[in-house]
Amino acid sequence: MNRPEQIKENYLQLIDKHLDDLIHNRADYMFEIEDFAEQLHIHSTHLSNTIKALTGTTPCGLYQTKILSVAKLLLQRPGLTIRQVALMLDFEPSQFTKWFKRFHGISPKEYRSHSVNNKY
């Protein structure tokens, strides 16, 4: 595996680990791209350029996609409120609703009610 591919794979692994840490209370805040770059021992601009060249999207775009996937999984857990999901992912609840709707097209409440019927 060449170095750019290795950076991409390590970045994706760090995202997964960080999101797992967040939902299991092993992390206190949502990382920024700079935090991942620091863990990879590279500059954030190098991370951005490498990810964009390999995937056609930004590191932030990949990160947002993974956050959305985790949010959707958490929203399918009936024991968690939308507020709890938001706080687990280091969002203010009202900001989480706006963010979720912007990236998924429907509110978390709508997603939750429709996911029961397997529409999303």
PDB file of N, CA and C in Angstrom:
ATOM      1  N   MET A   1       0.855  -1.175   0.000  1.00  0.00           N
ATOM      2  CA  MET A   1       0.000   0.000   0.000  1.00  0.00           C
ATOM      3  C   MET A   1       0.904   1.242   0.000  1.00  0.00           C
ATOM      4  N   ASN A   2       0.608   2.183  -0.890  1.00  0.00           N
ATOM      5  CA  ASN A   2       1.419   3.394  -0.943  1.00  0.00           C
ATOM      6  C   ASN A   2       1.045   4.352   0.191  1.00  0.00           C
ATOM      7  N   ARG A   3       1.856   5.355   0.403  1.00  0.00           N
ATOM      8  CA  ARG A   3       1.668   6.257   1.544  1.00  0.00           C
ATOM      9  C   ARG A   3       0.313   6.973   1.520  1.00  0.00           C
ATOM     10  N   PRO A   4      -0.137   7.538   0.413  1.00  0.00           N
ATOM     11  CA  PRO A   4      -1.460   8.176   0.428  1.00  0.00           C
ATOM     12  C   PRO A   4      -2.581   7.207   0.823  1.00  0.00           C
ATOM     13  N   GLU A   5      -2.541   5.991   0.296  1.00  0.00           N
ATOM     14  CA  GLU A   5      -3.554   4.985   0.663  1.00  0.00           C
ATOM     15  C   GLU A   5      -3.482   4.665   2.151  1.00  0.00           C
ATOM     16  N   GLN A   6      -2.273   4.586   2.664  1.00  0.00           N
ATOM     17  CA  GLN A   6      -2.077   4.308   4.085  1.00  0.00           C
ATOM     18  C   GLN A   6      -2.656   5.446   4.943  1.00  0.00           C
ATOM     19  N   ILE A   7      -2.437   6.685   4.517  1.00  0.00           N
ATOM     20  CA  ILE A   7      -3.003   7.839   5.230  1.00  0.00           C
ATOM     21  C   ILE A   7      -4.516   7.750   5.239  1.00  0.00           C
ATOM     22  N   LYS A   8      -5.097   7.438   4.082  1.00  0.00           N
ATOM     23  CA  LYS A   8      -6.559   7.337   3.989  1.00  0.00           C
ATOM     24  C   LYS A   8      -7.084   6.246   4.910  1.00  0.00           C
ATOM     25  N   GLU A   9      -6.504   5.075   4.850  1.00  0.00           N
ATOM     26  CA  GLU A   9      -6.965   3.961   5.690  1.00  0.00           C
ATOM     27  C   GLU A   9      -6.812   4.275   7.173  1.00  0.00           C
ATOM     28  N   ASN A  10      -5.675   4.863   7.542  1.00  0.00           N
ATOM     29  CA  ASN A  10      -5.470   5.226   8.940  1.00  0.00           C
ATOM     30  C   ASN A  10      -6.464   6.298   9.391  1.00  0.00           C
ATOM     31  N   TYR A  11      -6.746   7.239   8.509  1.00  0.00           N
ATOM     32  CA  TYR A  11      -7.728   8.285   8.816  1.00  0.00           C
ATOM     33  C   TYR A  11      -9.106   7.673   9.067  1.00  0.00           C
ATOM     34  N   LEU A  12      -9.530   6.780   8.182  1.00  0.00           N
ATOM     35  CA  LEU A  12     -10.836   6.138   8.346  1.00  0.00           C
ATOM     36  C   LEU A  12     -10.895   5.309   9.634  1.00  0.00           C
ATOM     37  N   GLN A  13      -9.807   4.633   9.963  1.00  0.00           N
ATOM     38  CA  GLN A  13      -9.751   3.872  11.216  1.00  0.00           C
ATOM     39  C   GLN A  13      -9.826   4.790  12.431  1.00  0.00           C
ATOM     40  N   LEU A  14      -9.142   5.927  12.358  1.00  0.00           N
ATOM     41  CA  LEU A  14      -9.190   6.883  13.471  1.00  0.00           C
ATOM     42  C   LEU A  14     -10.600   7.444  13.662  1.00  0.00           C
ATOM     43  N   ILE A  15     -11.288   7.707  12.562  1.00  0.00           N
ATOM     44  CA  ILE A  15     -12.670   8.185  12.666  1.00  0.00           C
ATOM     45  C   ILE A  15     -13.523   7.142  13.381  1.00  0.00           C
ATOM     46  N   ASP A  16     -13.437   5.904  12.919  1.00  0.00           N
ATOM     47  CA  ASP A  16     -14.235   4.835  13.529  1.00  0.00           C
ATOM     48  C   ASP A  16     -13.936   4.695  15.020  1.00  0.00           C
ATOM     49  N   LYS A  17     -12.661   4.727  15.369  1.00  0.00           N
ATOM     50  CA  LYS A  17     -12.277   4.596  16.773  1.00  0.00           C
ATOM     51  C   LYS A  17     -12.800   5.778  17.581  1.00  0.00           C
ATOM     52  N   HIS A  18     -12.648   6.980  17.037  1.00  0.00           N
ATOM     53  CA  HIS A  18     -13.104   8.165  17.765  1.00  0.00           C
ATOM     54  C   HIS A  18     -14.622   8.147  17.975  1.00  0.00           C
ATOM     55  N   LEU A  19     -15.366   7.793  16.955  1.00  0.00           N
ATOM     56  CA  LEU A  19     -16.826   7.743  17.101  1.00  0.00           C
ATOM     57  C   LEU A  19     -17.225   6.682  18.111  1.00  0.00           C
ATOM     58  N   ASP A  20     -16.541   5.546  18.113  1.00  0.00           N
ATOM     59  CA  ASP A  20     -16.799   4.517  19.111  1.00  0.00           C
ATOM     60  C   ASP A  20     -16.475   5.045  20.508  1.00  0.00           C
ATOM     61  N   ASP A  21     -15.365   5.763  20.624  1.00  0.00           N
ATOM     62  CA  ASP A  21     -15.007   6.356  21.920  1.00  0.00           C
ATOM     63  C   ASP A  21     -16.067   7.351  22.377  1.00  0.00           C
ATOM     64  N   LEU A  22     -16.586   8.149  21.460  1.00  0.00           N
ATOM     65  CA  LEU A  22     -17.620   9.129  21.816  1.00  0.00           C
ATOM     66  C   LEU A  22     -18.876   8.450  22.358  1.00  0.00           C
ATOM     67  N   ILE A  23     -19.350   7.456  21.650  1.00  0.00           N
ATOM     68  CA  ILE A  23     -20.622   6.851  22.067  1.00  0.00           C
ATOM     69  C   ILE A  23     -20.472   5.970  23.301  1.00  0.00           C
ATOM     70  N   HIS A  24     -19.234   5.629  23.646  1.00  0.00           N
ATOM     71  CA  HIS A  24     -18.999   4.842  24.864  1.00  0.00           C
ATOM     72  C   HIS A  24     -18.352   5.673  25.972  1.00  0.00           C
ATOM     73  N   ASN A  25     -18.478   6.988  25.861  1.00  0.00           N
ATOM     74  CA  ASN A  25     -17.999   7.933  26.877  1.00  0.00           C
ATOM     75  C   ASN A  25     -16.509   7.838  27.167  1.00  0.00           C
ATOM     76  N   ARG A  26     -15.721   7.481  26.159  1.00  0.00           N
ATOM     77  CA  ARG A  26     -14.269   7.458  26.325  1.00  0.00           C
ATOM     78  C   ARG A  26     -13.622   8.696  25.707  1.00  0.00           C
ATOM     79  N   ALA A  27     -14.436   9.577  25.135  1.00  0.00           N
ATOM     80  CA  ALA A  27     -13.955  10.844  24.566  1.00  0.00           C
ATOM     81  C   ALA A  27     -14.912  11.946  25.014  1.00  0.00           C
ATOM     82  N   ASP A  28     -14.362  13.116  25.201  1.00  0.00           N
ATOM     83  CA  ASP A  28     -15.148  14.229  25.734  1.00  0.00           C
ATOM     84  C   ASP A  28     -15.703  15.170  24.678  1.00  0.00           C
ATOM     85  N   TYR A  29     -15.114  15.149  23.493  1.00  0.00           N
ATOM     86  CA  TYR A  29     -15.535  16.100  22.477  1.00  0.00           C
ATOM     87  C   TYR A  29     -15.319  15.506  21.084  1.00  0.00           C
ATOM     88  N   MET A  30     -16.040  16.075  20.130  1.00  0.00           N
ATOM     89  CA  MET A  30     -15.930  15.658  18.732  1.00  0.00           C
ATOM     90  C   MET A  30     -14.639  16.215  18.156  1.00  0.00           C
ATOM     91  N   PHE A  31     -13.808  15.348  17.614  1.00  0.00           N
ATOM     92  CA  PHE A  31     -12.550  15.777  17.011  1.00  0.00           C
ATOM     93  C   PHE A  31     -12.805  16.647  15.787  1.00  0.00           C
ATOM     94  N   GLU A  32     -11.855  17.517  15.540  1.00  0.00           N
ATOM     95  CA  GLU A  32     -11.785  18.294  14.307  1.00  0.00           C
ATOM     96  C   GLU A  32     -10.784  17.592  13.388  1.00  0.00           C
ATOM     97  N   ILE A  33     -10.745  17.997  12.137  1.00  0.00           N
ATOM     98  CA  ILE A  33      -9.817  17.409  11.175  1.00  0.00           C
ATOM     99  C   ILE A  33      -8.371  17.567  11.667  1.00  0.00           C
ATOM    100  N   GLU A  34      -8.074  18.696  12.288  1.00  0.00           N
ATOM    101  CA  GLU A  34      -6.726  18.943  12.804  1.00  0.00           C
ATOM    102  C   GLU A  34      -6.323  17.901  13.855  1.00  0.00           C
ATOM    103  N   ASP A  35      -7.285  17.440  14.651  1.00  0.00           N
ATOM    104  CA  ASP A  35      -6.995  16.422  15.661  1.00  0.00           C
ATOM    105  C   ASP A  35      -6.578  15.103  15.010  1.00  0.00           C
ATOM    106  N   PHE A  36      -7.269  14.748  13.930  1.00  0.00           N
ATOM    107  CA  PHE A  36      -6.899  13.518  13.213  1.00  0.00           C
ATOM    108  C   PHE A  36      -5.528  13.668  12.564  1.00  0.00           C
ATOM    109  N   ALA A  37      -5.287  14.825  11.951  1.00  0.00           N
ATOM    110  CA  ALA A  37      -3.989  15.059  11.311  1.00  0.00           C
ATOM    111  C   ALA A  37      -2.868  14.955  12.344  1.00  0.00           C
ATOM    112  N   GLU A  38      -3.098  15.506  13.515  1.00  0.00           N
ATOM    113  CA  GLU A  38      -2.089  15.427  14.575  1.00  0.00           C
ATOM    114  C   GLU A  38      -1.809  13.975  14.954  1.00  0.00           C
ATOM    115  N   GLN A  39      -2.859  13.175  15.068  1.00  0.00           N
ATOM    116  CA  GLN A  39      -2.672  11.756  15.395  1.00  0.00           C
ATOM    117  C   GLN A  39      -1.932  11.013  14.288  1.00  0.00           C
ATOM    118  N   LEU A  40      -2.100  11.478  13.062  1.00  0.00           N
ATOM    119  CA  LEU A  40      -1.415  10.861  11.921  1.00  0.00           C
ATOM    120  C   LEU A  40      -0.010  11.436  11.720  1.00  0.00           C
ATOM    121  N   HIS A  41       0.327  12.439  12.512  1.00  0.00           N
ATOM    122  CA  HIS A  41       1.639  13.098  12.437  1.00  0.00           C
ATOM    123  C   HIS A  41       1.878  13.744  11.083  1.00  0.00           C
ATOM    124  N   ILE A  42       0.804  14.354  10.562  1.00  0.00           N
ATOM    125  CA  ILE A  42       0.911  15.100   9.304  1.00  0.00           C
ATOM    126  C   ILE A  42       0.161  16.419   9.475  1.00  0.00           C
ATOM    127  N   HIS A  43       0.390  17.337   8.573  1.00  0.00           N
ATOM    128  CA  HIS A  43      -0.310  18.620   8.599  1.00  0.00           C
ATOM    129  C   HIS A  43      -1.733  18.427   8.080  1.00  0.00           C
ATOM    130  N   SER A  44      -2.661  19.200   8.604  1.00  0.00           N
ATOM    131  CA  SER A  44      -4.059  19.062   8.177  1.00  0.00           C
ATOM    132  C   SER A  44      -4.233  19.345   6.689  1.00  0.00           C
ATOM    133  N   THR A  45      -3.429  20.224   6.131  1.00  0.00           N
ATOM    134  CA  THR A  45      -3.501  20.498   4.689  1.00  0.00           C
ATOM    135  C   THR A  45      -3.075  19.259   3.898  1.00  0.00           C
ATOM    136  N   HIS A  46      -2.055  18.573   4.359  1.00  0.00           N
ATOM    137  CA  HIS A  46      -1.609  17.344   3.684  1.00  0.00           C
ATOM    138  C   HIS A  46      -2.701  16.277   3.776  1.00  0.00           C
ATOM    139  N   LEU A  47      -3.325  16.164   4.936  1.00  0.00           N
ATOM    140  CA  LEU A  47      -4.434  15.219   5.082  1.00  0.00           C
ATOM    141  C   LEU A  47      -5.552  15.568   4.106  1.00  0.00           C
ATOM    142  N   SER A  48      -5.925  16.834   4.077  1.00  0.00           N
ATOM    143  CA  SER A  48      -7.006  17.268   3.179  1.00  0.00           C
ATOM    144  C   SER A  48      -6.678  16.997   1.722  1.00  0.00           C
ATOM    145  N   ASN A  49      -5.476  17.361   1.307  1.00  0.00           N
ATOM    146  CA  ASN A  49      -5.086  17.152  -0.091  1.00  0.00           C
ATOM    147  C   ASN A  49      -5.035  15.671  -0.448  1.00  0.00           C
ATOM    148  N   THR A  50      -4.527  14.850   0.460  1.00  0.00           N
ATOM    149  CA  THR A  50      -4.414  13.408   0.208  1.00  0.00           C
ATOM    150  C   THR A  50      -5.792  12.770   0.093  1.00  0.00           C
ATOM    151  N   ILE A  51      -6.668  13.061   1.037  1.00  0.00           N
ATOM    152  CA  ILE A  51      -8.012  12.472   1.023  1.00  0.00           C
ATOM    153  C   ILE A  51      -8.784  12.930  -0.210  1.00  0.00           C
ATOM    154  N   LYS A  52      -8.697  14.204  -0.530  1.00  0.00           N
ATOM    155  CA  LYS A  52      -9.405  14.744  -1.705  1.00  0.00           C
ATOM    156  C   LYS A  52      -8.901  14.087  -2.988  1.00  0.00           C
ATOM    157  N   ALA A  53      -7.598  13.911  -3.095  1.00  0.00           N
ATOM    158  CA  ALA A  53      -7.020  13.300  -4.305  1.00  0.00           C
ATOM    159  C   ALA A  53      -7.451  11.841  -4.453  1.00  0.00           C
ATOM    160  N   LEU A  54      -7.552  11.123  -3.340  1.00  0.00           N
ATOM    161  CA  LEU A  54      -7.885   9.693  -3.403  1.00  0.00           C
ATOM    162  C   LEU A  54      -9.373   9.413  -3.511  1.00  0.00           C
ATOM    163  N   THR A  55     -10.190  10.254  -2.886  1.00  0.00           N
ATOM    164  CA  THR A  55     -11.619   9.946  -2.800  1.00  0.00           C
ATOM    165  C   THR A  55     -12.514  10.902  -3.576  1.00  0.00           C
ATOM    166  N   GLY A  56     -11.975  12.071  -3.907  1.00  0.00           N
ATOM    167  CA  GLY A  56     -12.801  13.071  -4.576  1.00  0.00           C
ATOM    168  C   GLY A  56     -13.654  13.871  -3.608  1.00  0.00           C
ATOM    169  N   THR A  57     -13.523  13.587  -2.331  1.00  0.00           N
ATOM    170  CA  THR A  57     -14.249  14.343  -1.316  1.00  0.00           C
ATOM    171  C   THR A  57     -13.266  14.794  -0.245  1.00  0.00           C
ATOM    172  N   THR A  58     -13.715  15.672   0.602  1.00  0.00           N
ATOM    173  CA  THR A  58     -12.852  16.211   1.644  1.00  0.00           C
ATOM    174  C   THR A  58     -12.834  15.289   2.858  1.00  0.00           C
ATOM    175  N   PRO A  59     -11.833  15.441   3.726  1.00  0.00           N
ATOM    176  CA  PRO A  59     -11.837  14.674   4.977  1.00  0.00           C
ATOM    177  C   PRO A  59     -13.097  14.961   5.793  1.00  0.00           C
ATOM    178  N   CYS A  60     -13.525  16.202   5.759  1.00  0.00           N
ATOM    179  CA  CYS A  60     -14.742  16.578   6.484  1.00  0.00           C
ATOM    180  C   CYS A  60     -15.958  15.849   5.914  1.00  0.00           C
ATOM    181  N   GLY A  61     -16.021  15.728   4.598  1.00  0.00           N
ATOM    182  CA  GLY A  61     -17.126  15.014   3.974  1.00  0.00           C
ATOM    183  C   GLY A  61     -17.175  13.553   4.391  1.00  0.00           C
ATOM    184  N   LEU A  62     -16.011  12.904   4.424  1.00  0.00           N
ATOM    185  CA  LEU A  62     -15.972  11.507   4.883  1.00  0.00           C
ATOM    186  C   LEU A  62     -16.375  11.401   6.353  1.00  0.00           C
ATOM    187  N   TYR A  63     -15.891  12.327   7.145  1.00  0.00           N
ATOM    188  CA  TYR A  63     -16.188  12.358   8.578  1.00  0.00           C
ATOM    189  C   TYR A  63     -17.686  12.543   8.804  1.00  0.00           C
ATOM    190  N   GLN A  64     -18.285  13.490   8.105  1.00  0.00           N
ATOM    191  CA  GLN A  64     -19.722  13.743   8.241  1.00  0.00           C
ATOM    192  C   GLN A  64     -20.541  12.507   7.856  1.00  0.00           C
ATOM    193  N   THR A  65     -20.119  11.818   6.808  1.00  0.00           N
ATOM    194  CA  THR A  65     -20.811  10.610   6.378  1.00  0.00           C
ATOM    195  C   THR A  65     -20.768   9.539   7.460  1.00  0.00           C
ATOM    196  N   LYS A  66     -19.613   9.383   8.080  1.00  0.00           N
ATOM    197  CA  LYS A  66     -19.480   8.381   9.149  1.00  0.00           C
ATOM    198  C   LYS A  66     -20.269   8.791  10.389  1.00  0.00           C
ATOM    199  N   ILE A  67     -20.271  10.073  10.720  1.00  0.00           N
ATOM    200  CA  ILE A  67     -21.064  10.555  11.860  1.00  0.00           C
ATOM    201  C   ILE A  67     -22.538  10.270  11.600  1.00  0.00           C
ATOM    202  N   LEU A  68     -22.994  10.540  10.384  1.00  0.00           N
ATOM    203  CA  LEU A  68     -24.385  10.296  10.030  1.00  0.00           C
ATOM    204  C   LEU A  68     -24.730   8.811  10.172  1.00  0.00           C
ATOM    205  N   SER A  69     -23.856   7.940   9.736  1.00  0.00           N
ATOM    206  CA  SER A  69     -24.109   6.491   9.867  1.00  0.00           C
ATOM    207  C   SER A  69     -24.256   6.084  11.327  1.00  0.00           C
ATOM    208  N   VAL A  70     -23.377   6.611  12.172  1.00  0.00           N
ATOM    209  CA  VAL A  70     -23.459   6.295  13.610  1.00  0.00           C
ATOM    210  C   VAL A  70     -24.734   6.885  14.200  1.00  0.00           C
ATOM    211  N   ALA A  71     -25.060   8.110  13.830  1.00  0.00           N
ATOM    212  CA  ALA A  71     -26.280   8.746  14.333  1.00  0.00           C
ATOM    213  C   ALA A  71     -27.514   7.922  13.960  1.00  0.00           C
ATOM    214  N   LYS A  72     -27.563   7.433  12.739  1.00  0.00           N
ATOM    215  CA  LYS A  72     -28.703   6.628  12.300  1.00  0.00           C
ATOM    216  C   LYS A  72     -28.800   5.331  13.096  1.00  0.00           C
ATOM    217  N   LEU A  73     -27.662   4.704  13.344  1.00  0.00           N
ATOM    218  CA  LEU A  73     -27.680   3.481  14.158  1.00  0.00           C
ATOM    219  C   LEU A  73     -28.177   3.769  15.578  1.00  0.00           C
ATOM    220  N   LEU A  74     -27.686   4.856  16.151  1.00  0.00           N
ATOM    221  CA  LEU A  74     -28.102   5.208  17.513  1.00  0.00           C
ATOM    222  C   LEU A  74     -29.589   5.558  17.568  1.00  0.00           C
ATOM    223  N   LEU A  75     -30.085   6.226  16.548  1.00  0.00           N
ATOM    224  CA  LEU A  75     -31.505   6.595  16.525  1.00  0.00           C
ATOM    225  C   LEU A  75     -32.414   5.376  16.413  1.00  0.00           C
ATOM    226  N   GLN A  76     -31.874   4.268  15.959  1.00  0.00           N
ATOM    227  CA  GLN A  76     -32.671   3.039  15.867  1.00  0.00           C
ATOM    228  C   GLN A  76     -32.773   2.317  17.203  1.00  0.00           C
ATOM    229  N   ARG A  77     -32.028   2.767  18.194  1.00  0.00           N
ATOM    230  CA  ARG A  77     -32.108   2.171  19.526  1.00  0.00           C
ATOM    231  C   ARG A  77     -33.261   2.815  20.292  1.00  0.00           C
ATOM    232  N   PRO A  78     -34.305   2.054  20.574  1.00  0.00           N
ATOM    233  CA  PRO A  78     -35.478   2.646  21.221  1.00  0.00           C
ATOM    234  C   PRO A  78     -35.211   3.172  22.635  1.00  0.00           C
ATOM    235  N   GLY A  79     -34.177   2.703  23.289  1.00  0.00           N
ATOM    236  CA  GLY A  79     -33.881   3.152  24.648  1.00  0.00           C
ATOM    237  C   GLY A  79     -33.188   4.499  24.726  1.00  0.00           C
ATOM    238  N   LEU A  80     -32.789   5.045  23.585  1.00  0.00           N
ATOM    239  CA  LEU A  80     -32.094   6.332  23.565  1.00  0.00           C
ATOM    240  C   LEU A  80     -33.013   7.424  23.030  1.00  0.00           C
ATOM    241  N   THR A  81     -33.047   8.547  23.716  1.00  0.00           N
ATOM    242  CA  THR A  81     -33.796   9.698  23.195  1.00  0.00           C
ATOM    243  C   THR A  81     -32.946  10.399  22.143  1.00  0.00           C
ATOM    244  N   ILE A  82     -33.581  11.221  21.345  1.00  0.00           N
ATOM    245  CA  ILE A  82     -32.844  11.993  20.345  1.00  0.00           C
ATOM    246  C   ILE A  82     -31.853  12.912  21.051  1.00  0.00           C
ATOM    247  N   ARG A  83     -32.241  13.461  22.172  1.00  0.00           N
ATOM    248  CA  ARG A  83     -31.344  14.313  22.966  1.00  0.00           C
ATOM    249  C   ARG A  83     -30.102  13.525  23.398  1.00  0.00           C
ATOM    250  N   GLN A  84     -30.298  12.299  23.855  1.00  0.00           N
ATOM    251  CA  GLN A  84     -29.160  11.476  24.277  1.00  0.00           C
ATOM    252  C   GLN A  84     -28.227  11.179  23.105  1.00  0.00           C
ATOM    253  N   VAL A  85     -28.797  10.886  21.957  1.00  0.00           N
ATOM    254  CA  VAL A  85     -27.988  10.633  20.763  1.00  0.00           C
ATOM    255  C   VAL A  85     -27.175  11.884  20.427  1.00  0.00           C
ATOM    256  N   ALA A  86     -27.824  13.033  20.440  1.00  0.00           N
ATOM    257  CA  ALA A  86     -27.136  14.296  20.143  1.00  0.00           C
ATOM    258  C   ALA A  86     -25.971  14.507  21.101  1.00  0.00           C
ATOM    259  N   LEU A  87     -26.221  14.338  22.378  1.00  0.00           N
ATOM    260  CA  LEU A  87     -25.177  14.566  23.377  1.00  0.00           C
ATOM    261  C   LEU A  87     -24.049  13.537  23.263  1.00  0.00           C
ATOM    262  N   MET A  88     -24.388  12.302  22.928  1.00  0.00           N
ATOM    263  CA  MET A  88     -23.354  11.275  22.732  1.00  0.00           C
ATOM    264  C   MET A  88     -22.390  11.672  21.625  1.00  0.00           C
ATOM    265  N   LEU A  89     -22.926  12.344  20.616  1.00  0.00           N
ATOM    266  CA  LEU A  89     -22.116  12.752  19.462  1.00  0.00           C
ATOM    267  C   LEU A  89     -21.609  14.189  19.592  1.00  0.00           C
ATOM    268  N   ASP A  90     -21.678  14.732  20.804  1.00  0.00           N
ATOM    269  CA  ASP A  90     -21.156  16.066  21.126  1.00  0.00           C
ATOM    270  C   ASP A  90     -21.848  17.185  20.348  1.00  0.00           C
ATOM    271  N   PHE A  91     -23.161  17.057  20.178  1.00  0.00           N
ATOM    272  CA  PHE A  91     -23.976  18.100  19.564  1.00  0.00           C
ATOM    273  C   PHE A  91     -24.893  18.690  20.625  1.00  0.00           C
ATOM    274  N   GLU A  92     -25.216  19.956  20.480  1.00  0.00           N
ATOM    275  CA  GLU A  92     -26.359  20.507  21.202  1.00  0.00           C
ATOM    276  C   GLU A  92     -27.578  19.908  20.514  1.00  0.00           C
ATOM    277  N   PRO A  93     -28.606  19.487  21.260  1.00  0.00           N
ATOM    278  CA  PRO A  93     -29.744  18.812  20.626  1.00  0.00           C
ATOM    279  C   PRO A  93     -30.370  19.568  19.457  1.00  0.00           C
ATOM    280  N   SER A  94     -30.553  20.890  19.575  1.00  0.00           N
ATOM    281  CA  SER A  94     -31.172  21.623  18.457  1.00  0.00           C
ATOM    282  C   SER A  94     -30.238  21.663  17.248  1.00  0.00           C
ATOM    283  N   GLN A  95     -28.935  21.767  17.498  1.00  0.00           N
ATOM    284  CA  GLN A  95     -27.969  21.754  16.397  1.00  0.00           C
ATOM    285  C   GLN A  95     -27.921  20.388  15.733  1.00  0.00           C
ATOM    286  N   PHE A  96     -28.064  19.324  16.524  1.00  0.00           N
ATOM    287  CA  PHE A  96     -28.078  17.973  15.974  1.00  0.00           C
ATOM    288  C   PHE A  96     -29.241  17.810  14.998  1.00  0.00           C
ATOM    289  N   THR A  97     -30.403  18.291  15.394  1.00  0.00           N
ATOM    290  CA  THR A  97     -31.581  18.179  14.528  1.00  0.00           C
ATOM    291  C   THR A  97     -31.345  18.908  13.211  1.00  0.00           C
ATOM    292  N   LYS A  98     -30.808  20.120  13.271  1.00  0.00           N
ATOM    293  CA  LYS A  98     -30.525  20.882  12.047  1.00  0.00           C
ATOM    294  C   LYS A  98     -29.476  20.176  11.197  1.00  0.00           C
ATOM    295  N   TRP A  99     -28.415  19.703  11.857  1.00  0.00           N
ATOM    296  CA  TRP A  99     -27.345  19.012  11.140  1.00  0.00           C
ATOM    297  C   TRP A  99     -27.874  17.739  10.464  1.00  0.00           C
ATOM    298  N   PHE A 100     -28.612  16.937  11.216  1.00  0.00           N
ATOM    299  CA  PHE A 100     -29.139  15.682  10.690  1.00  0.00           C
ATOM    300  C   PHE A 100     -30.045  15.943   9.491  1.00  0.00           C
ATOM    301  N   LYS A 101     -30.911  16.933   9.619  1.00  0.00           N
ATOM    302  CA  LYS A 101     -31.831  17.240   8.520  1.00  0.00           C
ATOM    303  C   LYS A 101     -31.071  17.729   7.288  1.00  0.00           C
ATOM    304  N   ARG A 102     -30.017  18.510   7.488  1.00  0.00           N
ATOM    305  CA  ARG A 102     -29.228  19.006   6.365  1.00  0.00           C
ATOM    306  C   ARG A 102     -28.554  17.853   5.629  1.00  0.00           C
ATOM    307  N   PHE A 103     -28.038  16.868   6.370  1.00  0.00           N
ATOM    308  CA  PHE A 103     -27.300  15.773   5.730  1.00  0.00           C
ATOM    309  C   PHE A 103     -28.181  14.604   5.300  1.00  0.00           C
ATOM    310  N   HIS A 104     -29.334  14.436   5.944  1.00  0.00           N
ATOM    311  CA  HIS A 104     -30.167  13.286   5.591  1.00  0.00           C
ATOM    312  C   HIS A 104     -31.501  13.679   4.953  1.00  0.00           C
ATOM    313  N   GLY A 105     -31.871  14.937   5.064  1.00  0.00           N
ATOM    314  CA  GLY A 105     -33.087  15.398   4.406  1.00  0.00           C
ATOM    315  C   GLY A 105     -34.348  15.326   5.252  1.00  0.00           C
ATOM    316  N   ILE A 106     -34.276  14.649   6.378  1.00  0.00           N
ATOM    317  CA  ILE A 106     -35.403  14.578   7.305  1.00  0.00           C
ATOM    318  C   ILE A 106     -34.867  14.744   8.725  1.00  0.00           C
ATOM    319  N   SER A 107     -35.757  15.058   9.635  1.00  0.00           N
ATOM    320  CA  SER A 107     -35.336  15.248  11.023  1.00  0.00           C
ATOM    321  C   SER A 107     -35.052  13.899  11.685  1.00  0.00           C
ATOM    322  N   PRO A 108     -34.318  13.920  12.794  1.00  0.00           N
ATOM    323  CA  PRO A 108     -34.084  12.670  13.522  1.00  0.00           C
ATOM    324  C   PRO A 108     -35.393  12.008  13.963  1.00  0.00           C
ATOM    325  N   LYS A 109     -36.358  12.815  14.348  1.00  0.00           N
ATOM    326  CA  LYS A 109     -37.652  12.273  14.771  1.00  0.00           C
ATOM    327  C   LYS A 109     -38.338  11.559  13.602  1.00  0.00           C
ATOM    328  N   GLU A 110     -38.320  12.192  12.435  1.00  0.00           N
ATOM    329  CA  GLU A 110     -38.908  11.559  11.246  1.00  0.00           C
ATOM    330  C   GLU A 110     -38.147  10.285  10.885  1.00  0.00           C
ATOM    331  N   TYR A 111     -36.816  10.357  10.944  1.00  0.00           N
ATOM    332  CA  TYR A 111     -36.009   9.172  10.646  1.00  0.00           C
ATOM    333  C   TYR A 111     -36.377   8.034  11.583  1.00  0.00           C
ATOM    334  N   ARG A 112     -36.452   8.352  12.862  1.00  0.00           N
ATOM    335  CA  ARG A 112     -36.756   7.323  13.854  1.00  0.00           C
ATOM    336  C   ARG A 112     -38.124   6.702  13.588  1.00  0.00           C
ATOM    337  N   SER A 113     -39.130   7.502  13.302  1.00  0.00           N
ATOM    338  CA  SER A 113     -40.464   6.948  13.082  1.00  0.00           C
ATOM    339  C   SER A 113     -40.526   6.142  11.788  1.00  0.00           C
ATOM    340  N   HIS A 114     -39.797   6.561  10.762  1.00  0.00           N
ATOM    341  CA  HIS A 114     -39.807   5.834   9.492  1.00  0.00           C
ATOM    342  C   HIS A 114     -38.892   4.605   9.509  1.00  0.00           C
ATOM    343  N   SER A 115     -37.828   4.645  10.316  1.00  0.00           N
ATOM    344  CA  SER A 115     -36.907   3.512  10.340  1.00  0.00           C
ATOM    345  C   SER A 115     -37.575   2.270  10.928  1.00  0.00           C
ATOM    346  N   VAL A 116     -38.579   2.467  11.740  1.00  0.00           N
ATOM    347  CA  VAL A 116     -39.341   1.337  12.263  1.00  0.00           C
ATOM    348  C   VAL A 116     -40.003   0.573  11.119  1.00  0.00           C
ATOM    349  N   ASN A 117     -40.403   1.322  10.097  1.00  0.00           N
ATOM    350  CA  ASN A 117     -41.034   0.700   8.934  1.00  0.00           C
ATOM    351  C   ASN A 117     -40.037   0.376   7.826  1.00  0.00           C
ATOM    352  N   ASN A 118     -38.734   0.484   8.121  1.00  0.00           N
ATOM    353  CA  ASN A 118     -37.667   0.189   7.169  1.00  0.00           C
ATOM    354  C   ASN A 118     -37.725   1.009   5.894  1.00  0.00           C
ATOM    355  N   LYS A 119     -38.174   2.269   5.998  1.00  0.00           N
ATOM    356  CA  LYS A 119     -38.221   3.116   4.817  1.00  0.00           C
ATOM    357  C   LYS A 119     -36.899   3.811   4.572  1.00  0.00           C
ATOM    358  N   TYR A 120     -36.015   3.905   5.573  1.00  0.00           N
ATOM    359  CA  TYR A 120     -34.752   4.620   5.403  1.00  0.00           C
ATOM    360  C   TYR A 120     -33.597   3.768   5.791  1.00  0.00           C
TER     361      TYR A 120
END
